[in-house]
Amino acid sequence: MLVCLSKNDLKEIMAKKERPSFEEALEKLEKIVEKLSDEEITLEKSVELYEEGLKLSRICSETLEQATLKIEQIEKSSKKDSDEA
């Protein structure tokens, strides 16, 4: 199943003042990957989608990094609390 991502969808994502959630960014990134797999896509469109994909990839990576740091802080705090007990 090929899901097309319109240019307006991409602009809407990037135009939002708020960043998309991790799930939204990942879903859009998956759609871009599917679109880039289309053999009939033009080079210009490929480059455009690639650029948007990089932006979404950064959002996903940053979100995962923040979640990892938060988990580490929680674990550190939990360990400190159990050591004090």
N, C-alpha and C. Protein backbone atom coordinates (compact mmCIF):
# COMPACT_ATOMS: atom_id res chain seq x y z
N MET A 1 0.84 -1.18 0.00
CA MET A 1 0.00 0.00 0.00
C MET A 1 0.89 1.24 0.00
N LEU A 2 0.73 2.07 -0.99
CA LEU A 2 1.52 3.29 -1.10
C LEU A 2 0.69 4.45 -0.59
N VAL A 3 1.23 5.15 0.41
CA VAL A 3 0.54 6.30 0.97
C VAL A 3 1.25 7.54 0.49
N CYS A 4 0.51 8.43 -0.14
CA CYS A 4 1.11 9.64 -0.68
C CYS A 4 1.05 10.76 0.35
N LEU A 5 2.09 11.49 0.43
CA LEU A 5 2.17 12.64 1.32
C LEU A 5 2.21 13.87 0.45
N SER A 6 1.22 14.69 0.58
CA SER A 6 1.15 15.87 -0.28
C SER A 6 2.11 16.95 0.21
N LYS A 7 2.42 17.84 -0.68
CA LYS A 7 3.29 18.96 -0.34
C LYS A 7 2.66 19.79 0.77
N ASN A 8 1.34 19.91 0.74
CA ASN A 8 0.64 20.66 1.78
C ASN A 8 0.77 20.00 3.14
N ASP A 9 0.76 18.65 3.16
CA ASP A 9 0.94 17.94 4.43
C ASP A 9 2.30 18.28 5.03
N LEU A 10 3.33 18.27 4.20
CA LEU A 10 4.67 18.58 4.67
C LEU A 10 4.76 20.01 5.17
N LYS A 11 4.19 20.94 4.40
CA LYS A 11 4.22 22.34 4.81
C LYS A 11 3.46 22.54 6.11
N GLU A 12 2.36 21.83 6.26
CA GLU A 12 1.57 21.95 7.47
C GLU A 12 2.37 21.50 8.69
N ILE A 13 3.09 20.41 8.54
CA ILE A 13 3.91 19.91 9.65
C ILE A 13 4.96 20.94 10.04
N MET A 14 5.66 21.44 9.05
CA MET A 14 6.76 22.35 9.33
C MET A 14 6.29 23.76 9.70
N ALA A 15 5.07 24.11 9.33
CA ALA A 15 4.56 25.45 9.62
C ALA A 15 3.98 25.56 11.02
N LYS A 16 3.66 24.43 11.62
CA LYS A 16 3.11 24.46 12.97
C LYS A 16 4.11 25.11 13.92
N LYS A 17 3.58 25.94 14.80
CA LYS A 17 4.46 26.54 15.80
C LYS A 17 4.95 25.47 16.77
N GLU A 18 4.06 24.53 17.08
CA GLU A 18 4.45 23.42 17.93
C GLU A 18 5.05 22.32 17.08
N ARG A 19 6.03 21.68 17.66
CA ARG A 19 6.61 20.55 16.94
C ARG A 19 5.61 19.41 16.96
N PRO A 20 5.63 18.59 15.90
CA PRO A 20 4.75 17.42 15.92
C PRO A 20 5.20 16.46 17.01
N SER A 21 4.28 15.67 17.48
CA SER A 21 4.64 14.65 18.45
C SER A 21 5.58 13.65 17.78
N PHE A 22 6.22 12.84 18.59
CA PHE A 22 7.10 11.81 18.06
C PHE A 22 6.33 10.91 17.10
N GLU A 23 5.14 10.52 17.50
CA GLU A 23 4.33 9.62 16.68
C GLU A 23 3.94 10.26 15.35
N GLU A 24 3.57 11.54 15.38
CA GLU A 24 3.21 12.24 14.15
C GLU A 24 4.41 12.36 13.22
N ALA A 25 5.55 12.73 13.78
CA ALA A 25 6.75 12.89 12.97
C ALA A 25 7.17 11.56 12.37
N LEU A 26 7.09 10.50 13.15
CA LEU A 26 7.47 9.18 12.66
C LEU A 26 6.54 8.71 11.56
N GLU A 27 5.25 8.95 11.73
CA GLU A 27 4.28 8.57 10.71
C GLU A 27 4.55 9.31 9.40
N LYS A 28 4.79 10.60 9.49
CA LYS A 28 5.08 11.39 8.28
C LYS A 28 6.39 10.94 7.65
N LEU A 29 7.37 10.62 8.47
CA LEU A 29 8.66 10.13 7.97
C LEU A 29 8.48 8.81 7.23
N GLU A 30 7.66 7.94 7.77
CA GLU A 30 7.39 6.66 7.10
C GLU A 30 6.71 6.88 5.74
N LYS A 31 5.82 7.85 5.67
CA LYS A 31 5.16 8.16 4.41
C LYS A 31 6.16 8.71 3.38
N ILE A 32 7.10 9.50 3.86
CA ILE A 32 8.13 10.03 2.96
C ILE A 32 8.98 8.90 2.42
N VAL A 33 9.36 7.97 3.27
CA VAL A 33 10.16 6.82 2.83
C VAL A 33 9.41 6.03 1.76
N GLU A 34 8.12 5.83 1.98
CA GLU A 34 7.32 5.12 0.98
C GLU A 34 7.28 5.89 -0.33
N LYS A 35 7.11 7.18 -0.25
CA LYS A 35 7.04 8.02 -1.45
C LYS A 35 8.38 7.98 -2.20
N LEU A 36 9.49 8.01 -1.46
CA LEU A 36 10.81 7.97 -2.10
C LEU A 36 11.07 6.63 -2.78
N SER A 37 10.33 5.61 -2.40
CA SER A 37 10.48 4.30 -3.04
C SER A 37 9.81 4.23 -4.40
N ASP A 38 8.99 5.22 -4.71
CA ASP A 38 8.28 5.25 -5.98
C ASP A 38 9.29 5.50 -7.10
N GLU A 39 9.35 4.60 -8.06
CA GLU A 39 10.32 4.70 -9.15
C GLU A 39 10.05 5.88 -10.08
N GLU A 40 8.84 6.39 -10.07
CA GLU A 40 8.48 7.46 -10.99
C GLU A 40 8.63 8.86 -10.39
N ILE A 41 9.15 8.95 -9.20
CA ILE A 41 9.31 10.24 -8.54
C ILE A 41 10.44 11.02 -9.21
N THR A 42 10.24 12.31 -9.33
CA THR A 42 11.27 13.14 -9.98
C THR A 42 12.42 13.39 -9.01
N LEU A 43 13.55 13.76 -9.58
CA LEU A 43 14.71 14.09 -8.75
C LEU A 43 14.40 15.28 -7.86
N GLU A 44 13.75 16.28 -8.41
CA GLU A 44 13.41 17.47 -7.63
C GLU A 44 12.52 17.12 -6.44
N LYS A 45 11.52 16.29 -6.69
CA LYS A 45 10.62 15.87 -5.62
C LYS A 45 11.36 15.01 -4.60
N SER A 46 12.27 14.18 -5.08
CA SER A 46 13.07 13.34 -4.17
C SER A 46 13.89 14.20 -3.22
N VAL A 47 14.51 15.22 -3.75
CA VAL A 47 15.34 16.11 -2.93
C VAL A 47 14.46 16.84 -1.91
N GLU A 48 13.30 17.30 -2.35
CA GLU A 48 12.37 18.00 -1.46
C GLU A 48 11.92 17.09 -0.32
N LEU A 49 11.54 15.87 -0.67
CA LEU A 49 11.11 14.92 0.35
C LEU A 49 12.26 14.54 1.28
N TYR A 50 13.44 14.40 0.73
CA TYR A 50 14.61 14.07 1.54
C TYR A 50 14.86 15.16 2.59
N GLU A 51 14.76 16.40 2.16
CA GLU A 51 14.98 17.53 3.08
C GLU A 51 13.94 17.51 4.21
N GLU A 52 12.69 17.29 3.85
CA GLU A 52 11.64 17.23 4.86
C GLU A 52 11.84 16.03 5.78
N GLY A 53 12.28 14.93 5.20
CA GLY A 53 12.55 13.74 5.99
C GLY A 53 13.65 13.96 7.02
N LEU A 54 14.67 14.70 6.62
CA LEU A 54 15.75 15.03 7.57
C LEU A 54 15.21 15.83 8.75
N LYS A 55 14.36 16.80 8.47
CA LYS A 55 13.78 17.61 9.54
C LYS A 55 12.98 16.74 10.50
N LEU A 56 12.17 15.86 9.94
CA LEU A 56 11.36 14.97 10.77
C LEU A 56 12.24 13.98 11.55
N SER A 57 13.29 13.52 10.91
CA SER A 57 14.22 12.61 11.57
C SER A 57 14.89 13.28 12.77
N ARG A 58 15.24 14.54 12.61
CA ARG A 58 15.85 15.29 13.72
C ARG A 58 14.86 15.42 14.88
N ILE A 59 13.61 15.69 14.54
CA ILE A 59 12.58 15.80 15.58
C ILE A 59 12.47 14.49 16.35
N CYS A 60 12.43 13.38 15.62
CA CYS A 60 12.34 12.07 16.27
C CYS A 60 13.56 11.80 17.14
N SER A 61 14.74 12.08 16.62
CA SER A 61 15.97 11.84 17.37
C SER A 61 16.04 12.70 18.63
N GLU A 62 15.68 13.97 18.51
CA GLU A 62 15.70 14.86 19.66
C GLU A 62 14.69 14.42 20.72
N THR A 63 13.52 13.99 20.27
CA THR A 63 12.49 13.54 21.20
C THR A 63 12.95 12.29 21.94
N LEU A 64 13.56 11.35 21.22
CA LEU A 64 14.07 10.14 21.86
C LEU A 64 15.20 10.46 22.83
N GLU A 65 16.05 11.40 22.47
CA GLU A 65 17.15 11.79 23.35
C GLU A 65 16.60 12.40 24.64
N GLN A 66 15.60 13.27 24.51
CA GLN A 66 14.99 13.88 25.69
C GLN A 66 14.34 12.82 26.58
N ALA A 67 13.68 11.86 25.97
CA ALA A 67 13.04 10.78 26.74
C ALA A 67 14.09 9.95 27.46
N THR A 68 15.19 9.67 26.80
CA THR A 68 16.26 8.90 27.42
C THR A 68 16.83 9.64 28.63
N LEU A 69 17.06 10.94 28.47
CA LEU A 69 17.59 11.74 29.59
C LEU A 69 16.60 11.76 30.76
N LYS A 70 15.34 11.88 30.45
CA LYS A 70 14.33 11.90 31.50
C LYS A 70 14.29 10.57 32.25
N ILE A 71 14.37 9.47 31.51
CA ILE A 71 14.38 8.15 32.14
C ILE A 71 15.61 7.99 33.03
N GLU A 72 16.75 8.46 32.55
CA GLU A 72 17.98 8.38 33.35
C GLU A 72 17.84 9.19 34.64
N GLN A 73 17.21 10.37 34.54
CA GLN A 73 17.01 11.19 35.73
C GLN A 73 16.07 10.50 36.72
N ILE A 74 15.01 9.89 36.20
CA ILE A 74 14.06 9.18 37.06
C ILE A 74 14.75 8.03 37.77
N GLU A 75 15.55 7.27 37.00
CA GLU A 75 16.26 6.13 37.59
C GLU A 75 17.26 6.60 38.65
N LYS A 76 17.95 7.69 38.36
CA LYS A 76 18.92 8.23 39.31
C LYS A 76 18.22 8.70 40.60
N SER A 77 17.10 9.37 40.42
CA SER A 77 16.33 9.85 41.56
C SER A 77 15.77 8.69 42.37
N SER A 78 15.29 7.67 41.67
CA SER A 78 14.74 6.50 42.33
C SER A 78 15.81 5.77 43.11
N LYS A 79 16.98 5.64 42.54
CA LYS A 79 18.09 4.97 43.22
C LYS A 79 18.51 5.76 44.46
N LYS A 80 18.56 7.08 44.32
CA LYS A 80 18.93 7.94 45.45
C LYS A 80 17.93 7.80 46.57
N ASP A 81 16.64 7.77 46.21
CA ASP A 81 15.59 7.61 47.23
C ASP A 81 15.69 6.28 47.93
N SER A 82 16.00 5.21 47.21
CA SER A 82 16.09 3.88 47.82
C SER A 82 17.35 3.76 48.66
N ASP A 83 18.41 4.48 48.30
CA ASP A 83 19.65 4.46 49.10
C ASP A 83 19.46 5.18 50.43
N GLU A 84 18.60 6.20 50.43
CA GLU A 84 18.37 6.96 51.64
C GLU A 84 17.45 6.24 52.60
N ALA A 85 16.68 5.28 52.09
CA ALA A 85 15.71 4.58 52.95
C ALA A 85 16.33 3.52 53.80
